[in-house]
Amino acid sequence: MVSAAEQLAANLNFSALAKADELKKRIWFTLGALLVYRLGTYIPLPGIDPAAWDQIFQTQSGGILGMFNMFAGGGIHRMAIFALAIMPYISSSIIVQLMTTVSPTLEQLKKEGEQGRKVINQYTRYGTVGLAALQAYGIAIGLEGAGSVVADPGFFFRVSTVITLTGGTVFLMWLGEQITSRGIGNGISLIILSGIVAQLPAALAGTLELSRTGQLGVGILLIVVIMVVAVIAFIVFMERAQRRLLIQYPKRQVGNRMFEGQSSHLPLKLNTSGVIPPIFASSLLLLPATVANLNSGRMPGWMNEIVAQLSHGRPLFLLLYVLGIVFFAFFYTAIVFNPTETADNLKKHGGFIPGIRPGERTAEYIDYVLSRITVIGAAYLAAVCLFPEILISWANVPFYFGGTSLLIVVSVTMDTVAQVQGYLLAHQYEGLIKKSKLRGRRR
């Protein structure tokens, strides 16, 4: 006869093996989904001449098309069915977040918990389809006006382009949600990460080729390597940095028993806005250069001079870049974090900051602290993005070594590793609880 303790031990070992298998399946599912995404970036859009588009793209790669091509994993360079990538979904998410601050209906949905979040997510999906269709139509018009890129321009080409590119974005949105639910990490972030990482080998090969041909000195190459390592270490340190506000909970009585007051912390990230500020700032600054390149020879001289000053590495570009990062850091932080709502939640649960009156004064104090750490966070983002920009302009290093790409890669990697560790830690705790039950039965 098998004792109850032996049966529990066998169940424990079986559970541990099952959890390990589940983690492997999640990892393999994530890798398979990302492989599908990468394959889609090599399927060209129907009705275009890839060689003709490649020639045009080479003249525009320094503008906004080059930055979007980085996020699309080379999909714009190849004008693939996934050329729009997941950017319409990100834009729709930001627009919905902005609307929740001004629309009472959306604000009420946000407070309804899981059910309200599902409705907001559905609105985000609808917005993604609309933005993707609008951008796809703009791409179709642009391709038709780009010379001999389109073999048979007209209504049919525009409709097929809108359907293909919009369907590609919707498929990637669905794929990202599947990765989030059935894989490891945030699916949308991993799709962007895979697109950037897929371009790094070509950028490294190009840099080494420049060094081999003597166009890039060995000393400069070493500086680039040291800079990349230093920036990565700096990003890891700053992304983990927090300002913890002490939260105290009063004593409470349950029946005839008195429970001591507990203390906790309210963590405020140094960089609450994430990677949104540099993406928005660079997009706005690179837009004039892209428009100027598309209208080359048809603009007045003074406008060409302004556009020239807005190119990579120029003082005006760097100044406006820093100002844009600082502005969007404060703007997006104000959207994603509401001190008043946080203070109300603390008050409902009986929590308070020592020395600060609950309610409005707590909200003011949280806003005071958040504003000051956002200054440090904005300075950190500006430093990470500005120094590589100067190096890119000075040493002609490939664009993929920019601060924005490094920031995205490091941040998403950290979040994914943290989720894997949390998954393993949860199963370790589960195993420890079962072991404690096993020991209790043996006694």
Protein backbone atom coordinates (compact mmCIF):
# COMPACT_ATOMS: atom_id res chain seq x y z
CA MET A 1 0.00 0.00 0.00
CA VAL A 2 1.24 3.51 -0.83
CA SER A 3 1.09 5.94 2.07
CA ALA A 4 -0.50 9.37 1.77
CA ALA A 5 2.92 11.04 2.20
CA GLU A 6 4.43 9.03 -0.63
CA GLN A 7 1.44 9.79 -2.85
CA LEU A 8 1.79 13.52 -2.11
CA ALA A 9 5.53 13.38 -2.91
CA ALA A 10 4.79 11.68 -6.23
CA ASN A 11 2.18 14.31 -7.04
CA LEU A 12 4.67 17.04 -6.14
CA ASN A 13 7.30 15.66 -8.53
CA PHE A 14 4.71 15.26 -11.28
CA SER A 15 3.52 18.85 -10.74
CA ALA A 16 7.08 20.20 -10.94
CA LEU A 17 7.70 18.34 -14.22
CA ALA A 18 4.38 19.56 -15.59
CA LYS A 19 5.23 23.18 -14.74
CA ALA A 20 8.66 22.85 -16.38
CA ASP A 21 7.02 21.44 -19.52
CA GLU A 22 4.49 24.27 -19.51
CA LEU A 23 7.27 26.88 -19.37
CA LYS A 24 9.07 25.17 -22.28
CA LYS A 25 5.85 25.16 -24.30
CA ARG A 26 5.35 28.87 -23.61
CA ILE A 27 8.90 29.68 -24.73
CA TRP A 28 8.59 27.57 -27.89
CA PHE A 29 5.21 29.14 -28.68
CA THR A 30 6.72 32.62 -28.33
CA LEU A 31 9.66 31.76 -30.59
CA GLY A 32 7.33 30.19 -33.17
CA ALA A 33 5.05 33.23 -33.22
CA LEU A 34 8.02 35.58 -33.66
CA LEU A 35 9.30 33.38 -36.50
CA VAL A 36 5.94 33.76 -38.26
CA TYR A 37 6.25 37.54 -37.89
CA ARG A 38 9.78 37.53 -39.32
CA LEU A 39 8.69 35.44 -42.32
CA GLY A 40 5.89 37.93 -43.03
CA THR A 41 8.38 40.81 -43.30
CA TYR A 42 9.88 39.10 -46.38
CA ILE A 43 6.61 38.70 -48.32
CA PRO A 44 6.40 41.73 -50.67
CA LEU A 45 3.26 43.76 -51.23
CA PRO A 46 1.43 42.63 -54.41
CA GLY A 47 1.69 44.88 -57.44
CA ILE A 48 5.00 46.68 -56.74
CA ASP A 49 8.52 46.48 -58.12
CA PRO A 50 10.81 45.73 -55.12
CA ALA A 51 13.95 46.87 -56.97
CA ALA A 52 12.45 50.26 -57.87
CA TRP A 53 11.21 50.77 -54.31
CA ASP A 54 14.64 49.81 -52.93
CA GLN A 55 16.27 52.62 -54.90
CA ILE A 56 13.77 55.16 -53.57
CA PHE A 57 14.07 53.89 -50.00
CA GLN A 58 17.86 54.29 -50.04
CA THR A 59 17.41 58.04 -50.53
CA GLN A 60 14.86 58.27 -47.68
CA SER A 61 16.46 55.94 -45.13
CA GLY A 62 17.82 58.82 -43.07
CA GLY A 63 14.35 60.22 -42.40
CA ILE A 64 11.24 58.98 -40.71
CA LEU A 65 11.06 55.98 -43.05
CA GLY A 66 14.36 54.71 -41.63
CA MET A 67 13.07 54.93 -38.08
CA PHE A 68 9.77 53.20 -38.91
CA ASN A 69 11.68 50.58 -40.87
CA MET A 70 13.62 49.80 -37.69
CA PHE A 71 10.37 49.22 -35.77
CA ALA A 72 8.96 47.19 -38.69
CA GLY A 73 11.97 44.87 -38.75
CA GLY A 74 12.92 45.88 -42.31
CA GLY A 75 9.34 45.52 -43.54
CA ILE A 76 9.24 49.02 -45.04
CA HIS A 77 12.57 48.55 -46.83
CA ARG A 78 11.14 45.43 -48.47
CA MET A 79 7.60 46.93 -48.58
CA ALA A 80 6.25 43.72 -47.10
CA ILE A 81 2.73 42.82 -46.04
CA PHE A 82 3.80 43.67 -42.46
CA ALA A 83 5.18 47.08 -43.46
CA LEU A 84 2.91 48.91 -40.99
CA ALA A 85 4.00 46.46 -38.27
CA ILE A 86 2.32 47.10 -34.94
CA MET A 87 2.68 50.90 -34.94
CA PRO A 88 -1.06 51.61 -35.65
CA TYR A 89 -1.93 49.57 -32.55
CA ILE A 90 0.53 51.58 -30.43
CA SER A 91 -0.85 54.85 -31.81
CA SER A 92 -4.42 53.71 -31.13
CA SER A 93 -3.49 52.72 -27.57
CA ILE A 94 -2.00 56.15 -26.91
CA ILE A 95 -5.04 57.91 -28.40
CA VAL A 96 -7.41 55.84 -26.22
CA GLN A 97 -5.29 56.63 -23.15
CA LEU A 98 -5.52 60.32 -24.01
CA MET A 99 -9.29 60.02 -24.46
CA THR A 100 -9.72 58.41 -21.02
CA THR A 101 -8.49 61.67 -19.46
CA VAL A 102 -11.11 63.82 -21.25
CA SER A 103 -14.04 61.42 -21.81
CA PRO A 104 -16.19 60.67 -18.73
CA THR A 105 -17.48 57.48 -20.38
CA LEU A 106 -14.01 56.03 -20.93
CA GLU A 107 -12.90 57.19 -17.49
CA GLN A 108 -15.83 55.33 -15.93
CA LEU A 109 -14.97 52.21 -17.96
CA LYS A 110 -11.41 52.40 -16.67
CA LYS A 111 -12.71 52.28 -13.09
CA GLU A 112 -14.91 49.22 -13.72
CA GLY A 113 -11.99 46.79 -13.50
CA GLU A 114 -11.58 43.81 -15.80
CA GLN A 115 -14.86 44.25 -17.67
CA GLY A 116 -14.16 47.91 -18.40
CA ARG A 117 -10.62 47.07 -19.52
CA LYS A 118 -12.01 44.59 -22.06
CA VAL A 119 -14.30 47.27 -23.53
CA ILE A 120 -11.40 49.76 -23.74
CA ASN A 121 -9.25 47.11 -25.44
CA GLN A 122 -12.02 46.57 -27.98
CA TYR A 123 -12.10 50.32 -28.71
CA THR A 124 -8.32 50.17 -29.16
CA ARG A 125 -8.71 47.37 -31.72
CA TYR A 126 -11.30 49.36 -33.66
CA GLY A 127 -8.97 52.36 -33.63
CA THR A 128 -6.12 50.15 -34.86
CA VAL A 129 -8.13 49.05 -37.90
CA GLY A 130 -9.08 52.65 -38.72
CA LEU A 131 -5.54 54.00 -38.38
CA ALA A 132 -4.04 51.08 -40.30
CA ALA A 133 -6.51 51.56 -43.17
CA LEU A 134 -5.78 55.30 -43.28
CA GLN A 135 -2.01 54.78 -43.27
CA ALA A 136 -2.26 51.98 -45.84
CA TYR A 137 -4.21 54.25 -48.20
CA GLY A 138 -1.55 56.95 -47.75
CA ILE A 139 1.15 54.39 -48.59
CA ALA A 140 -0.76 53.31 -51.71
CA ILE A 141 -1.02 56.93 -52.90
CA GLY A 142 2.67 57.52 -52.12
CA LEU A 143 3.76 54.40 -54.00
CA GLU A 144 1.72 55.40 -57.04
CA GLY A 145 3.39 58.79 -57.08
CA ALA A 146 6.90 57.37 -56.65
CA GLY A 147 7.61 56.73 -60.31
CA SER A 148 7.72 53.18 -61.63
CA VAL A 149 7.23 51.39 -58.28
CA VAL A 150 3.63 50.32 -59.00
CA ALA A 151 3.13 48.15 -62.05
CA ASP A 152 -0.59 48.92 -62.51
CA PRO A 153 -1.71 51.96 -60.47
CA GLY A 154 -5.37 52.60 -59.94
CA PHE A 155 -8.37 51.75 -57.80
CA PHE A 156 -7.67 48.00 -57.61
CA PHE A 157 -4.09 48.55 -56.40
CA ARG A 158 -5.25 50.96 -53.70
CA VAL A 159 -7.95 48.61 -52.44
CA SER A 160 -5.63 45.59 -52.41
CA THR A 161 -2.91 47.60 -50.62
CA VAL A 162 -5.33 48.81 -47.93
CA ILE A 163 -6.70 45.30 -47.37
CA THR A 164 -3.24 43.68 -47.32
CA LEU A 165 -1.49 46.15 -45.01
CA THR A 166 -4.49 46.50 -42.67
CA GLY A 167 -4.87 42.73 -42.52
CA GLY A 168 -1.15 42.42 -41.73
CA THR A 169 -1.43 44.85 -38.81
CA VAL A 170 -4.58 43.14 -37.46
CA PHE A 171 -2.85 39.76 -37.71
CA LEU A 172 0.18 41.09 -35.77
CA MET A 173 -2.14 42.56 -33.15
CA TRP A 174 -3.80 39.15 -32.73
CA LEU A 175 -0.38 37.44 -32.71
CA GLY A 176 0.84 39.77 -29.97
CA GLU A 177 -2.21 39.02 -27.84
CA GLN A 178 -1.63 35.29 -28.32
CA ILE A 179 1.99 35.64 -27.19
CA THR A 180 0.87 37.54 -24.10
CA SER A 181 -1.72 34.92 -23.11
CA ARG A 182 -0.03 31.69 -24.26
CA GLY A 183 3.64 32.64 -24.36
CA ILE A 184 6.17 34.55 -22.27
CA GLY A 185 6.32 38.33 -21.99
CA ASN A 186 4.33 41.15 -23.58
CA GLY A 187 3.56 40.12 -27.14
CA ILE A 188 3.41 43.60 -28.67
CA SER A 189 6.75 44.60 -27.10
CA LEU A 190 8.39 41.35 -28.20
CA ILE A 191 7.28 41.90 -31.81
CA ILE A 192 8.93 45.33 -31.79
CA LEU A 193 12.01 43.87 -30.08
CA SER A 194 12.37 41.08 -32.64
CA GLY A 195 12.13 43.61 -35.47
CA ILE A 196 14.96 45.70 -34.03
CA VAL A 197 17.17 42.75 -33.08
CA ALA A 198 16.74 41.20 -36.54
CA GLN A 199 18.39 44.29 -38.05
CA LEU A 200 21.34 44.35 -35.64
CA PRO A 201 23.46 41.68 -37.44
CA ALA A 202 23.36 43.69 -40.68
CA ALA A 203 24.25 46.86 -38.76
CA LEU A 204 27.16 45.09 -37.06
CA ALA A 205 28.36 43.67 -40.37
CA GLY A 206 28.18 47.13 -41.93
CA THR A 207 30.16 48.64 -39.06
CA LEU A 208 32.85 45.98 -39.29
CA GLU A 209 33.02 46.48 -43.07
CA LEU A 210 33.54 50.22 -42.54
CA SER A 211 36.35 49.40 -40.14
CA ARG A 212 37.92 46.92 -42.58
CA THR A 213 37.93 49.39 -45.44
CA GLY A 214 39.42 52.12 -43.24
CA GLN A 215 36.35 54.39 -43.27
CA LEU A 216 35.91 53.77 -39.54
CA GLY A 217 39.02 53.75 -37.38
CA VAL A 218 39.75 51.01 -34.86
CA GLY A 219 39.77 53.57 -32.06
CA ILE A 220 36.32 54.83 -33.01
CA LEU A 221 35.07 51.23 -33.22
CA LEU A 222 36.30 50.59 -29.67
CA ILE A 223 34.60 53.80 -28.52
CA VAL A 224 31.34 52.58 -30.10
CA VAL A 225 31.61 49.20 -28.32
CA ILE A 226 32.38 50.84 -24.97
CA MET A 227 29.54 53.32 -25.51
CA VAL A 228 27.02 50.54 -26.23
CA VAL A 229 28.04 48.57 -23.12
CA ALA A 230 27.97 51.72 -20.94
CA VAL A 231 24.56 52.81 -22.28
CA ILE A 232 23.10 49.34 -21.70
CA ALA A 233 24.40 49.29 -18.10
CA PHE A 234 23.07 52.82 -17.54
CA ILE A 235 19.63 51.91 -18.94
CA VAL A 236 19.41 48.81 -16.72
CA PHE A 237 20.30 50.87 -13.65
CA MET A 238 17.87 53.70 -14.40
CA GLU A 239 14.97 51.45 -15.44
CA ARG A 240 15.21 49.63 -12.11
CA ALA A 241 15.43 52.88 -10.13
CA GLN A 242 12.40 53.68 -7.97
CA ARG A 243 11.33 56.28 -5.44
CA ARG A 244 9.44 54.39 -2.74
CA LEU A 245 6.91 56.29 -0.67
CA LEU A 246 6.24 54.77 2.75
CA ILE A 247 2.57 53.81 3.20
CA GLN A 248 1.27 53.11 6.70
CA TYR A 249 -1.93 51.22 7.53
CA PRO A 250 -3.56 51.75 10.95
CA LYS A 251 -4.35 49.09 13.53
CA ARG A 252 -7.59 47.22 12.95
CA GLN A 253 -9.80 45.06 15.12
CA VAL A 254 -11.43 41.89 13.79
CA GLY A 255 -13.78 40.42 16.37
CA ASN A 256 -11.93 40.30 19.67
CA ARG A 257 -8.49 40.35 18.05
CA MET A 258 -6.40 43.47 17.42
CA PHE A 259 -4.06 43.41 14.42
CA GLU A 260 -0.99 45.64 14.32
CA GLY A 261 -0.73 48.30 11.64
CA GLN A 262 1.24 47.32 8.57
CA SER A 263 3.60 49.34 6.41
CA SER A 264 4.13 49.12 2.68
CA HIS A 265 5.64 51.14 -0.16
CA LEU A 266 4.25 52.97 -3.16
CA PRO A 267 6.90 52.51 -5.89
CA LEU A 268 7.28 55.39 -8.34
CA LYS A 269 9.46 54.55 -11.34
CA LEU A 270 12.09 57.09 -12.25
CA ASN A 271 11.06 56.73 -15.90
CA THR A 272 7.29 56.34 -15.85
CA SER A 273 6.85 57.29 -19.51
CA GLY A 274 9.00 54.44 -20.89
CA VAL A 275 10.21 54.71 -24.50
CA ILE A 276 7.32 56.87 -25.75
CA PRO A 277 9.07 60.31 -25.45
CA PRO A 278 12.07 59.58 -27.72
CA ILE A 279 9.82 57.83 -30.29
CA PHE A 280 7.41 60.76 -30.47
CA ALA A 281 10.16 63.40 -30.45
CA SER A 282 12.18 61.73 -33.21
CA SER A 283 9.05 61.11 -35.31
CA LEU A 284 8.09 64.78 -35.26
CA LEU A 285 11.63 65.94 -36.08
CA LEU A 286 12.23 63.44 -38.89
CA LEU A 287 8.91 64.21 -40.59
CA PRO A 288 10.06 67.54 -42.19
CA ALA A 289 13.19 65.85 -43.61
CA THR A 290 11.11 63.08 -45.15
CA VAL A 291 8.64 65.55 -46.71
CA ALA A 292 11.55 67.62 -48.05
CA ASN A 293 13.17 64.57 -49.66
CA LEU A 294 9.90 63.59 -51.31
CA ASN A 295 9.55 67.16 -52.69
CA SER A 296 13.18 67.67 -53.61
CA GLY A 297 13.73 70.69 -55.88
CA ARG A 298 10.20 72.03 -55.38
CA MET A 299 10.68 73.97 -52.13
CA PRO A 300 12.10 77.49 -51.61
CA GLY A 301 15.70 77.89 -50.51
CA TRP A 302 14.94 79.12 -46.99
CA MET A 303 12.81 76.04 -46.30
CA ASN A 304 15.58 73.77 -47.55
CA GLU A 305 17.96 75.47 -45.13
CA ILE A 306 15.61 74.89 -42.20
CA VAL A 307 15.20 71.24 -43.17
CA ALA A 308 18.98 70.89 -43.43
CA GLN A 309 19.35 72.17 -39.86
CA LEU A 310 16.87 69.50 -38.73
CA SER A 311 19.02 66.62 -39.98
CA HIS A 312 20.83 64.18 -37.67
CA GLY A 313 23.61 65.66 -35.56
CA ARG A 314 22.84 69.33 -36.27
CA PRO A 315 22.59 71.64 -33.22
CA LEU A 316 18.98 72.64 -33.95
CA PHE A 317 17.95 68.99 -34.30
CA LEU A 318 19.68 68.05 -31.02
CA LEU A 319 18.14 71.00 -29.15
CA LEU A 320 14.60 70.30 -30.37
CA TYR A 321 15.14 66.58 -29.76
CA VAL A 322 15.97 67.17 -26.10
CA LEU A 323 13.07 69.60 -25.64
CA GLY A 324 10.69 67.10 -27.28
CA ILE A 325 11.85 64.28 -25.02
CA VAL A 326 11.40 66.41 -21.90
CA PHE A 327 7.94 67.57 -23.00
CA PHE A 328 6.64 64.09 -23.87
CA ALA A 329 8.17 62.63 -20.67
CA PHE A 330 6.05 64.96 -18.52
CA PHE A 331 3.05 64.75 -20.84
CA TYR A 332 2.89 60.96 -20.99
CA THR A 333 3.63 60.58 -17.26
CA ALA A 334 0.63 62.81 -16.53
CA ILE A 335 -1.51 60.51 -18.69
CA VAL A 336 -0.46 57.11 -17.33
CA PHE A 337 -0.24 58.07 -13.63
CA ASN A 338 -3.03 59.89 -11.79
CA PRO A 339 -1.97 61.08 -8.29
CA THR A 340 -5.55 61.94 -7.32
CA GLU A 341 -6.81 58.45 -8.15
CA THR A 342 -3.89 56.86 -6.29
CA ALA A 343 -4.56 59.02 -3.21
CA ASP A 344 -8.28 58.10 -3.28
CA ASN A 345 -7.43 54.38 -3.46
CA LEU A 346 -5.08 54.70 -0.48
CA LYS A 347 -7.77 56.52 1.49
CA LYS A 348 -10.38 53.85 0.70
CA HIS A 349 -8.10 51.12 2.04
CA GLY A 350 -7.08 53.10 5.12
CA GLY A 351 -3.53 53.76 3.96
CA PHE A 352 -1.71 57.06 4.45
CA ILE A 353 1.73 58.59 4.03
CA PRO A 354 3.18 59.46 7.47
CA GLY A 355 2.98 63.18 8.09
CA ILE A 356 0.65 63.80 5.11
CA ARG A 357 -3.11 64.21 5.46
CA PRO A 358 -5.09 61.64 3.41
CA GLY A 359 -6.98 62.80 0.36
CA GLU A 360 -6.09 65.99 -1.47
CA ARG A 361 -2.85 66.67 0.43
CA THR A 362 -1.64 63.14 -0.34
CA ALA A 363 -2.38 63.67 -4.05
CA GLU A 364 -0.43 66.94 -3.97
CA TYR A 365 2.53 65.27 -2.26
CA ILE A 366 2.59 62.37 -4.73
CA ASP A 367 2.41 64.84 -7.63
CA TYR A 368 5.25 66.86 -6.03
CA VAL A 369 7.49 63.79 -5.78
CA LEU A 370 6.51 62.50 -9.23
CA SER A 371 7.30 65.84 -10.89
CA ARG A 372 10.79 65.89 -9.43
CA ILE A 373 11.71 62.32 -10.30
CA THR A 374 10.31 62.89 -13.81
CA VAL A 375 12.92 65.64 -14.22
CA ILE A 376 15.61 63.02 -13.56
CA GLY A 377 13.85 60.51 -15.82
CA ALA A 378 13.60 63.03 -18.67
CA ALA A 379 17.29 63.94 -18.26
CA TYR A 380 18.17 60.23 -18.37
CA LEU A 381 16.17 59.69 -21.59
CA ALA A 382 17.72 62.78 -23.17
CA ALA A 383 21.24 61.64 -22.27
CA VAL A 384 20.69 58.09 -23.55
CA CYS A 385 19.26 59.33 -26.86
CA LEU A 386 21.47 62.39 -27.35
CA PHE A 387 24.94 60.87 -26.95
CA PRO A 388 24.41 58.15 -29.61
CA GLU A 389 22.94 60.80 -31.95
CA ILE A 390 26.17 62.78 -31.71
CA LEU A 391 28.21 59.63 -32.26
CA ILE A 392 26.08 58.61 -35.26
CA SER A 393 26.63 62.01 -36.86
CA TRP A 394 30.34 62.13 -36.02
CA ALA A 395 31.38 58.56 -36.86
CA ASN A 396 28.65 57.46 -39.33
CA VAL A 397 27.67 54.56 -37.09
CA PRO A 398 24.54 52.68 -38.32
CA PHE A 399 21.21 54.05 -37.07
CA TYR A 400 20.44 50.88 -35.13
CA PHE A 401 22.99 51.84 -32.49
CA GLY A 402 20.81 54.82 -31.57
CA GLY A 403 19.64 55.40 -28.03
CA THR A 404 15.97 54.70 -28.82
CA SER A 405 16.69 51.23 -30.21
CA LEU A 406 18.95 50.33 -27.28
CA LEU A 407 16.34 51.65 -24.85
CA ILE A 408 13.61 49.48 -26.38
CA VAL A 409 15.79 46.35 -26.57
CA VAL A 410 17.04 46.60 -22.98
CA SER A 411 13.66 47.55 -21.48
CA VAL A 412 11.70 44.76 -23.21
CA THR A 413 14.42 42.21 -22.41
CA MET A 414 14.34 43.19 -18.74
CA ASP A 415 10.54 42.91 -18.61
CA THR A 416 10.58 39.49 -20.30
CA VAL A 417 13.30 38.13 -18.00
CA ALA A 418 11.39 39.48 -14.99
CA GLN A 419 8.24 37.66 -16.13
CA VAL A 420 10.15 34.39 -16.59
CA GLN A 421 11.70 34.77 -13.12
CA GLY A 422 8.31 35.58 -11.62
CA TYR A 423 6.82 32.51 -13.31
CA LEU A 424 9.56 30.28 -11.89
CA LEU A 425 9.37 31.91 -8.46
CA ALA A 426 5.62 31.36 -8.25
CA HIS A 427 6.10 27.65 -8.96
CA GLN A 428 8.90 27.46 -6.38
CA TYR A 429 6.58 28.91 -3.75
CA GLU A 430 3.92 26.44 -4.81
CA GLY A 431 6.42 23.61 -4.37
CA LEU A 432 7.49 24.89 -0.94
CA ILE A 433 3.86 25.02 0.23
CA LYS A 434 3.28 21.45 -0.90
CA LYS A 435 6.51 20.32 0.80
CA SER A 436 5.44 21.96 4.04
CA LYS A 437 2.12 20.08 3.83
CA LEU A 438 4.04 16.86 3.20
CA ARG A 439 6.21 17.39 6.29
CA GLY A 440 3.14 18.21 8.37
CA ARG A 441 1.51 14.89 7.40
CA ARG A 442 4.67 12.94 8.17
CA ARG A 443 4.73 14.39 11.67
